[in-house]
Amino acid sequence: MEKNEKFEKKIQKLEKIVDELENGEIDLDDSITKYYEAVKLVKECDDKLKNIEEKVVKMVDSNDKKTDFEIVD
């Protein structure tokens, strides 16, 4: 798995792995391998999101704006 792979591509791979695991048509060894790959992808995506959040907070702080974000549905 490429380190600088785009976030969206990692999410697509993660979705594919989840589909394969839910489908149940792969053997136990492959399931375990896929599970560990999925865990790694989740961590990489989470790290990327945290990094982006930090950048956004810094940008907002540098503009003397409120840093508390509300999630709007």
N, C-alpha and C. Protein backbone atom coordinates (compact mmCIF):
# COMPACT_ATOMS: atom_id res chain seq x y z
N MET A 1 0.85 -1.18 0.00
CA MET A 1 0.00 0.00 0.00
C MET A 1 0.89 1.24 0.00
N GLU A 2 0.64 2.10 -0.93
CA GLU A 2 1.46 3.30 -1.09
C GLU A 2 1.18 4.30 0.01
N LYS A 3 2.24 4.85 0.60
CA LYS A 3 2.10 5.78 1.73
C LYS A 3 1.38 7.06 1.34
N ASN A 4 1.65 7.59 0.15
CA ASN A 4 1.06 8.86 -0.27
C ASN A 4 -0.20 8.67 -1.10
N GLU A 5 -0.79 7.51 -0.99
CA GLU A 5 -2.01 7.24 -1.72
C GLU A 5 -3.12 8.19 -1.27
N LYS A 6 -3.93 8.63 -2.18
CA LYS A 6 -4.99 9.58 -1.86
C LYS A 6 -6.00 8.99 -0.88
N PHE A 7 -6.52 9.88 -0.04
CA PHE A 7 -7.50 9.51 0.98
C PHE A 7 -8.69 8.76 0.36
N GLU A 8 -9.21 9.30 -0.74
CA GLU A 8 -10.38 8.71 -1.37
C GLU A 8 -10.11 7.29 -1.84
N LYS A 9 -8.90 7.05 -2.35
CA LYS A 9 -8.52 5.72 -2.82
C LYS A 9 -8.46 4.74 -1.65
N LYS A 10 -7.96 5.22 -0.51
CA LYS A 10 -7.90 4.37 0.69
C LYS A 10 -9.30 4.02 1.17
N ILE A 11 -10.19 4.99 1.12
CA ILE A 11 -11.59 4.73 1.53
C ILE A 11 -12.22 3.70 0.61
N GLN A 12 -11.97 3.81 -0.69
CA GLN A 12 -12.50 2.83 -1.65
C GLN A 12 -11.98 1.42 -1.34
N LYS A 13 -10.68 1.32 -1.05
CA LYS A 13 -10.11 0.02 -0.70
C LYS A 13 -10.74 -0.53 0.58
N LEU A 14 -10.94 0.36 1.56
CA LEU A 14 -11.55 -0.04 2.82
C LEU A 14 -12.97 -0.55 2.59
N GLU A 15 -13.74 0.14 1.77
CA GLU A 15 -15.10 -0.29 1.47
C GLU A 15 -15.11 -1.65 0.78
N LYS A 16 -14.16 -1.86 -0.12
CA LYS A 16 -14.07 -3.14 -0.82
C LYS A 16 -13.76 -4.27 0.16
N ILE A 17 -12.84 -4.02 1.07
CA ILE A 17 -12.48 -5.04 2.06
C ILE A 17 -13.68 -5.36 2.95
N VAL A 18 -14.39 -4.33 3.39
CA VAL A 18 -15.57 -4.55 4.23
C VAL A 18 -16.60 -5.39 3.48
N ASP A 19 -16.83 -5.07 2.21
CA ASP A 19 -17.77 -5.87 1.41
C ASP A 19 -17.33 -7.33 1.33
N GLU A 20 -16.03 -7.55 1.09
CA GLU A 20 -15.51 -8.91 1.00
C GLU A 20 -15.68 -9.66 2.32
N LEU A 21 -15.41 -8.98 3.42
CA LEU A 21 -15.54 -9.63 4.73
C LEU A 21 -17.01 -9.92 5.06
N GLU A 22 -17.88 -8.98 4.72
CA GLU A 22 -19.32 -9.19 4.99
C GLU A 22 -19.90 -10.29 4.11
N ASN A 23 -19.36 -10.41 2.91
CA ASN A 23 -19.84 -11.41 1.97
C ASN A 23 -19.60 -12.81 2.49
N GLY A 24 -18.48 -13.00 3.20
CA GLY A 24 -18.20 -14.29 3.82
C GLY A 24 -17.73 -15.37 2.88
N GLU A 25 -17.35 -15.02 1.68
CA GLU A 25 -16.93 -16.03 0.71
C GLU A 25 -15.42 -16.22 0.65
N ILE A 26 -14.68 -15.60 1.57
CA ILE A 26 -13.24 -15.80 1.60
C ILE A 26 -12.88 -16.63 2.82
N ASP A 27 -11.78 -17.38 2.70
CA ASP A 27 -11.42 -18.27 3.80
C ASP A 27 -10.88 -17.49 5.00
N LEU A 28 -10.68 -18.19 6.10
CA LEU A 28 -10.29 -17.58 7.36
C LEU A 28 -8.96 -16.85 7.25
N ASP A 29 -7.97 -17.48 6.63
CA ASP A 29 -6.65 -16.83 6.50
C ASP A 29 -6.74 -15.52 5.72
N ASP A 30 -7.47 -15.55 4.60
CA ASP A 30 -7.64 -14.33 3.82
C ASP A 30 -8.43 -13.28 4.60
N SER A 31 -9.40 -13.74 5.37
CA SER A 31 -10.20 -12.82 6.19
C SER A 31 -9.33 -12.09 7.20
N ILE A 32 -8.42 -12.81 7.83
CA ILE A 32 -7.53 -12.21 8.81
C ILE A 32 -6.61 -11.21 8.14
N THR A 33 -6.06 -11.58 6.98
CA THR A 33 -5.19 -10.67 6.23
C THR A 33 -5.95 -9.41 5.84
N LYS A 34 -7.16 -9.57 5.34
CA LYS A 34 -7.99 -8.43 4.94
C LYS A 34 -8.33 -7.56 6.15
N TYR A 35 -8.60 -8.20 7.28
CA TYR A 35 -8.93 -7.45 8.49
C TYR A 35 -7.77 -6.55 8.89
N TYR A 36 -6.55 -7.10 8.90
CA TYR A 36 -5.39 -6.29 9.28
C TYR A 36 -5.13 -5.17 8.27
N GLU A 37 -5.37 -5.45 7.00
CA GLU A 37 -5.24 -4.41 5.98
C GLU A 37 -6.26 -3.29 6.23
N ALA A 38 -7.48 -3.68 6.60
CA ALA A 38 -8.53 -2.70 6.88
C ALA A 38 -8.17 -1.85 8.10
N VAL A 39 -7.63 -2.48 9.14
CA VAL A 39 -7.23 -1.75 10.34
C VAL A 39 -6.16 -0.72 9.99
N LYS A 40 -5.21 -1.12 9.16
CA LYS A 40 -4.15 -0.20 8.73
C LYS A 40 -4.74 0.98 7.94
N LEU A 41 -5.66 0.70 7.05
CA LEU A 41 -6.30 1.75 6.26
C LEU A 41 -7.08 2.71 7.16
N VAL A 42 -7.79 2.18 8.13
CA VAL A 42 -8.55 3.03 9.05
C VAL A 42 -7.61 3.96 9.80
N LYS A 43 -6.49 3.44 10.27
CA LYS A 43 -5.53 4.27 11.00
C LYS A 43 -4.96 5.35 10.10
N GLU A 44 -4.59 5.00 8.87
CA GLU A 44 -4.04 5.98 7.93
C GLU A 44 -5.06 7.07 7.62
N CYS A 45 -6.31 6.69 7.40
CA CYS A 45 -7.36 7.67 7.11
C CYS A 45 -7.62 8.56 8.32
N ASP A 46 -7.64 7.97 9.50
CA ASP A 46 -7.85 8.74 10.72
C ASP A 46 -6.71 9.74 10.93
N ASP A 47 -5.48 9.29 10.71
CA ASP A 47 -4.32 10.19 10.84
C ASP A 47 -4.43 11.35 9.85
N LYS A 48 -4.83 11.04 8.63
CA LYS A 48 -4.98 12.09 7.61
C LYS A 48 -6.04 13.10 8.02
N LEU A 49 -7.17 12.63 8.51
CA LEU A 49 -8.24 13.53 8.94
C LEU A 49 -7.79 14.41 10.11
N LYS A 50 -7.06 13.82 11.05
CA LYS A 50 -6.56 14.61 12.19
C LYS A 50 -5.59 15.67 11.71
N ASN A 51 -4.74 15.32 10.76
CA ASN A 51 -3.78 16.27 10.20
C ASN A 51 -4.50 17.43 9.52
N ILE A 52 -5.51 17.12 8.76
CA ILE A 52 -6.29 18.15 8.07
C ILE A 52 -7.01 19.04 9.09
N GLU A 53 -7.56 18.42 10.13
CA GLU A 53 -8.25 19.20 11.17
C GLU A 53 -7.28 20.18 11.83
N GLU A 54 -6.07 19.73 12.13
CA GLU A 54 -5.08 20.61 12.74
C GLU A 54 -4.75 21.79 11.83
N LYS A 55 -4.63 21.53 10.54
CA LYS A 55 -4.34 22.60 9.58
C LYS A 55 -5.49 23.61 9.53
N VAL A 56 -6.70 23.12 9.54
CA VAL A 56 -7.86 24.01 9.50
C VAL A 56 -7.93 24.86 10.76
N VAL A 57 -7.70 24.25 11.90
CA VAL A 57 -7.72 24.99 13.16
C VAL A 57 -6.65 26.08 13.15
N LYS A 58 -5.45 25.76 12.66
CA LYS A 58 -4.38 26.75 12.58
C LYS A 58 -4.76 27.90 11.65
N MET A 59 -5.39 27.57 10.53
CA MET A 59 -5.82 28.61 9.59
C MET A 59 -6.85 29.52 10.24
N VAL A 60 -7.80 28.93 10.93
CA VAL A 60 -8.85 29.71 11.58
C VAL A 60 -8.24 30.56 12.69
N ASP A 61 -7.35 29.96 13.48
CA ASP A 61 -6.69 30.70 14.56
C ASP A 61 -5.89 31.88 14.01
N SER A 62 -5.23 31.66 12.90
CA SER A 62 -4.41 32.74 12.33
C SER A 62 -5.27 33.89 11.81
N ASN A 63 -6.53 33.63 11.59
CA ASN A 63 -7.45 34.68 11.13
C ASN A 63 -8.27 35.25 12.28
N ASP A 64 -7.90 34.90 13.52
CA ASP A 64 -8.61 35.38 14.71
C ASP A 64 -10.10 35.10 14.67
N LYS A 65 -10.44 33.92 14.20
CA LYS A 65 -11.84 33.52 14.17
C LYS A 65 -12.07 32.44 15.21
N LYS A 66 -13.31 32.19 15.50
CA LYS A 66 -13.70 31.17 16.47
C LYS A 66 -13.24 29.80 15.98
N THR A 67 -12.63 29.00 16.88
CA THR A 67 -12.12 27.69 16.49
C THR A 67 -13.04 26.54 16.85
N ASP A 68 -14.15 26.79 17.52
CA ASP A 68 -15.10 25.73 17.83
C ASP A 68 -15.94 25.48 16.59
N PHE A 69 -15.90 24.25 16.12
CA PHE A 69 -16.64 23.91 14.92
C PHE A 69 -17.94 23.21 15.30
N GLU A 70 -18.98 23.55 14.58
CA GLU A 70 -20.26 22.86 14.76
C GLU A 70 -20.46 21.95 13.58
N ILE A 71 -20.97 20.79 13.84
CA ILE A 71 -21.32 19.87 12.76
C ILE A 71 -22.76 20.16 12.38
N VAL A 72 -22.95 20.48 11.12
CA VAL A 72 -24.29 20.82 10.64
C VAL A 72 -24.78 19.65 9.82
N ASP A 73 -25.98 19.17 10.15
CA ASP A 73 -26.56 18.04 9.40
C ASP A 73 -27.10 18.51 8.08
